[in-house]
Protein backbone atom coordinates (compact mmCIF):
# COMPACT_ATOMS: atom_id res chain seq x y z
CA MET A 1 52.72 0.38 -82.32
CA ILE A 2 55.90 0.67 -80.24
CA LEU A 3 56.49 -2.39 -78.14
CA TYR A 4 58.22 -2.25 -74.77
CA HIS A 5 59.53 -5.30 -73.15
CA ALA A 6 56.92 -5.47 -70.43
CA GLY A 7 54.43 -6.34 -73.34
CA PRO A 8 51.69 -4.67 -75.12
CA SER A 9 49.13 -4.68 -72.08
CA TRP A 10 51.51 -2.24 -70.25
CA VAL A 11 51.59 0.51 -73.12
CA HIS A 12 48.77 2.99 -74.02
CA VAL A 13 49.20 5.08 -77.10
CA ALA A 14 47.27 8.21 -77.80
CA GLU A 15 47.21 10.70 -80.60
CA ALA A 16 46.44 14.32 -80.11
CA ALA A 17 46.47 17.60 -82.07
CA ILE A 18 48.79 19.26 -79.35
CA VAL A 19 52.56 19.50 -79.11
CA ARG A 20 54.40 17.77 -76.43
CA THR A 21 55.29 20.89 -74.54
CA VAL A 22 51.73 21.71 -74.08
CA LEU A 23 50.74 18.24 -72.88
CA ALA A 24 53.86 18.15 -70.46
CA LYS A 25 52.67 21.49 -69.21
CA ARG A 26 49.14 20.43 -68.54
CA LEU A 27 50.23 17.24 -66.96
CA CYS A 28 52.53 19.05 -64.54
CA ASP A 29 50.17 21.83 -63.70
CA SER A 30 47.09 19.99 -63.21
CA HIS A 31 47.92 16.24 -62.79
CA GLY A 32 50.93 15.92 -60.51
CA PHE A 33 53.58 14.94 -62.97
CA THR A 34 56.92 16.07 -62.99
CA GLN A 35 58.27 17.47 -66.46
CA CYS A 36 61.38 15.58 -67.86
CA MET A 37 64.11 16.47 -70.32
CA LEU A 38 63.19 14.21 -73.29
CA TYR A 39 65.47 11.44 -72.37
CA GLU A 40 65.08 8.09 -74.18
CA PRO A 41 65.16 5.18 -71.69
CA PHE A 42 64.08 2.60 -74.23
CA GLY A 43 66.57 3.70 -77.03
CA ARG A 44 66.36 6.10 -80.03
CA ASP A 45 63.06 6.60 -81.49
CA ARG A 46 61.04 4.56 -79.04
CA GLY A 47 59.76 7.62 -77.02
CA ALA A 48 61.30 10.62 -75.37
CA VAL A 49 60.06 11.09 -71.91
CA ILE A 50 58.04 14.37 -71.31
CA ALA A 51 56.64 13.79 -67.88
CA THR A 52 56.75 11.10 -65.10
CA ARG A 53 54.70 10.31 -62.14
CA GLY A 54 55.52 7.42 -59.75
CA HIS A 55 57.04 4.58 -61.86
CA MET A 56 55.07 5.72 -64.90
CA LEU A 57 56.46 7.59 -68.06
CA VAL A 58 54.67 9.76 -70.51
CA MET A 59 56.60 9.85 -73.68
CA ALA A 60 56.32 11.56 -77.04
CA ILE A 61 56.78 9.02 -79.79
CA GLY A 62 56.66 11.15 -82.84
CA THR A 63 54.74 13.95 -85.01
CA ASP A 64 53.04 13.90 -88.06
CA GLY A 65 51.34 17.16 -89.28
CA GLY A 66 49.73 18.66 -86.45
CA ASN A 67 49.27 15.45 -84.36
CA THR A 68 51.59 14.06 -81.78
CA TRP A 69 51.44 10.45 -80.67
CA PHE A 70 52.15 9.73 -76.92
CA SER A 71 52.89 6.65 -74.88
CA VAL A 72 52.15 5.76 -71.29
CA ALA A 73 54.41 3.04 -69.97
CA PRO A 74 56.08 1.83 -66.68
CA SER A 75 59.62 2.92 -66.19
CA LYS A 76 62.59 0.89 -67.59
CA GLU A 77 63.33 -0.60 -64.23
CA LEU A 78 59.67 -1.46 -63.49
CA GLN A 79 59.43 -3.14 -67.12
CA ASP A 80 62.52 -5.23 -66.28
CA LEU A 81 60.63 -6.49 -63.21
CA ILE A 82 57.21 -6.98 -65.07
CA TRP A 83 58.99 -8.96 -67.70
CA SER A 84 60.83 -11.12 -65.27
CA PHE A 85 57.56 -11.84 -63.62
CA SER A 86 55.62 -12.63 -66.81
CA ASN A 87 58.30 -14.82 -68.21
CA GLY A 88 58.89 -17.01 -65.20
CA PHE A 89 62.14 -15.35 -63.82
CA ALA A 90 60.64 -13.78 -60.77
CA GLY A 91 62.85 -15.92 -58.67
CA GLN A 92 66.06 -13.97 -60.01
CA TRP A 93 64.96 -10.81 -57.80
CA SER A 94 65.40 -10.87 -54.15
CA ALA A 95 63.01 -8.99 -51.79
CA LEU A 96 65.84 -6.42 -51.12
CA GLU A 97 66.12 -5.64 -54.89
CA LEU A 98 62.59 -5.43 -55.33
CA LYS A 99 62.38 -2.89 -52.47
CA ALA A 100 65.31 -0.78 -53.86
CA ILE A 101 63.72 -0.69 -57.43
CA ALA A 102 60.10 -0.29 -56.69
CA GLY A 103 59.74 0.41 -52.86
CA LEU A 104 57.94 -2.91 -52.25
CA ASP A 105 59.30 -6.23 -51.29
CA ASP A 106 56.77 -8.76 -52.61
CA TRP A 107 55.43 -9.43 -56.30
CA LYS A 108 51.79 -9.12 -55.49
CA ALA A 109 52.01 -5.53 -53.99
CA LEU A 110 54.35 -4.55 -56.84
CA LEU A 111 52.17 -5.64 -59.57
CA GLU A 112 49.10 -4.12 -57.86
CA LEU A 113 51.04 -0.72 -57.51
CA ALA A 114 51.97 -0.96 -61.22
CA GLY A 115 48.31 -1.54 -62.33
CA ARG A 116 47.16 1.28 -60.28
CA GLN A 117 49.93 3.82 -61.29
CA PHE A 118 49.39 2.71 -65.07
CA SER A 119 45.66 3.24 -65.10
CA ALA A 120 45.93 6.34 -63.25
CA ALA A 121 48.53 7.67 -65.60
CA VAL A 122 46.49 6.69 -68.68
CA ARG A 123 43.36 8.44 -67.15
CA SER A 124 45.37 11.60 -66.42
CA VAL A 125 46.90 11.76 -69.96
CA GLU A 126 43.54 11.35 -71.60
CA ARG A 127 42.08 14.13 -69.24
CA ALA A 128 45.19 16.33 -69.95
CA ILE A 129 44.74 15.89 -73.79
CA ALA A 130 41.09 17.00 -73.42
CA ASP A 131 42.26 19.94 -71.29
CA GLN A 132 40.38 18.60 -68.13
CA PRO A 133 41.62 18.75 -64.42
CA GLU A 134 42.62 15.50 -62.67
CA GLN A 135 39.35 15.53 -60.80
CA ASP A 136 36.12 16.94 -61.73
CA VAL A 137 35.00 19.68 -59.61
CA PRO A 138 31.47 19.02 -58.29
CA ASP A 139 28.79 21.45 -59.29
CA THR A 140 27.60 23.59 -56.63
CA PRO A 141 23.81 24.09 -56.35
CA GLU A 142 22.82 27.65 -57.44
CA GLN A 143 21.72 29.70 -54.33
CA PRO A 144 17.93 30.79 -54.64
CA MET A 145 17.59 34.55 -55.20
CA PHE A 146 16.05 36.37 -52.38
CA GLU A 147 13.24 38.58 -53.27
CA GLY A 148 12.84 41.45 -50.93
CA ASP A 149 14.65 43.61 -48.35
CA VAL A 150 17.60 41.84 -46.85
CA MET A 151 17.35 43.97 -43.81
CA GLU A 152 13.82 43.58 -43.20
CA VAL A 153 13.08 41.76 -40.02
CA PRO A 154 9.57 40.28 -39.24
CA ALA A 155 7.67 42.15 -36.52
CA ASP A 156 7.51 39.40 -33.89
CA TYR A 157 11.21 38.57 -34.29
CA LEU A 158 12.48 41.12 -31.86
CA HIS A 159 11.34 40.65 -28.35
CA SER A 160 11.75 43.15 -25.33
CA PHE A 161 13.01 41.62 -22.11
CA ASN A 162 11.51 42.76 -18.76
CA GLY A 163 14.42 41.74 -16.78
CA THR A 164 12.75 38.57 -15.15
CA GLU A 165 14.14 36.46 -17.98
CA ALA A 166 17.72 37.40 -16.83
CA VAL A 167 16.83 36.42 -13.16
CA GLU A 168 15.52 33.06 -14.26
CA CYS A 169 18.96 32.32 -16.05
CA ALA A 170 21.07 33.26 -13.14
CA HIS A 171 19.37 30.61 -10.96
């Protein structure tokens, strides 16, 4: 398993019988990701980024036969912050630095954001591998078939007005 410095709880690895270009296209077309150009933020052979959303990266780790291994992990910058917090070095980061890197100025909000984005990215990758959209479209109930003439109107539906109804409405 590829271990990134934020720790094993911040990486998800999936194996799929699809190539990286297909997964990247599915993530971009149906899941709101941005396609990337295969850069390797963690160094050589530790994953090439194929798509990103928020602070999360989807990387192609390697291929064997017809299968490709993909990983989902926070960005390098967010991993630096998570590592610092996890190892007791949170005090080295000012609120201004947190805001510049992650858009939030306190640790609680930053870790909650990271957790939400990570779980959402993992779910999206799993659904994209299965060729499913981001959200399930609810089934619409089937409309009942109408047996009979659509233009048919019951005899008592139409009513002739004698004019007094109009006078009553005018008052």
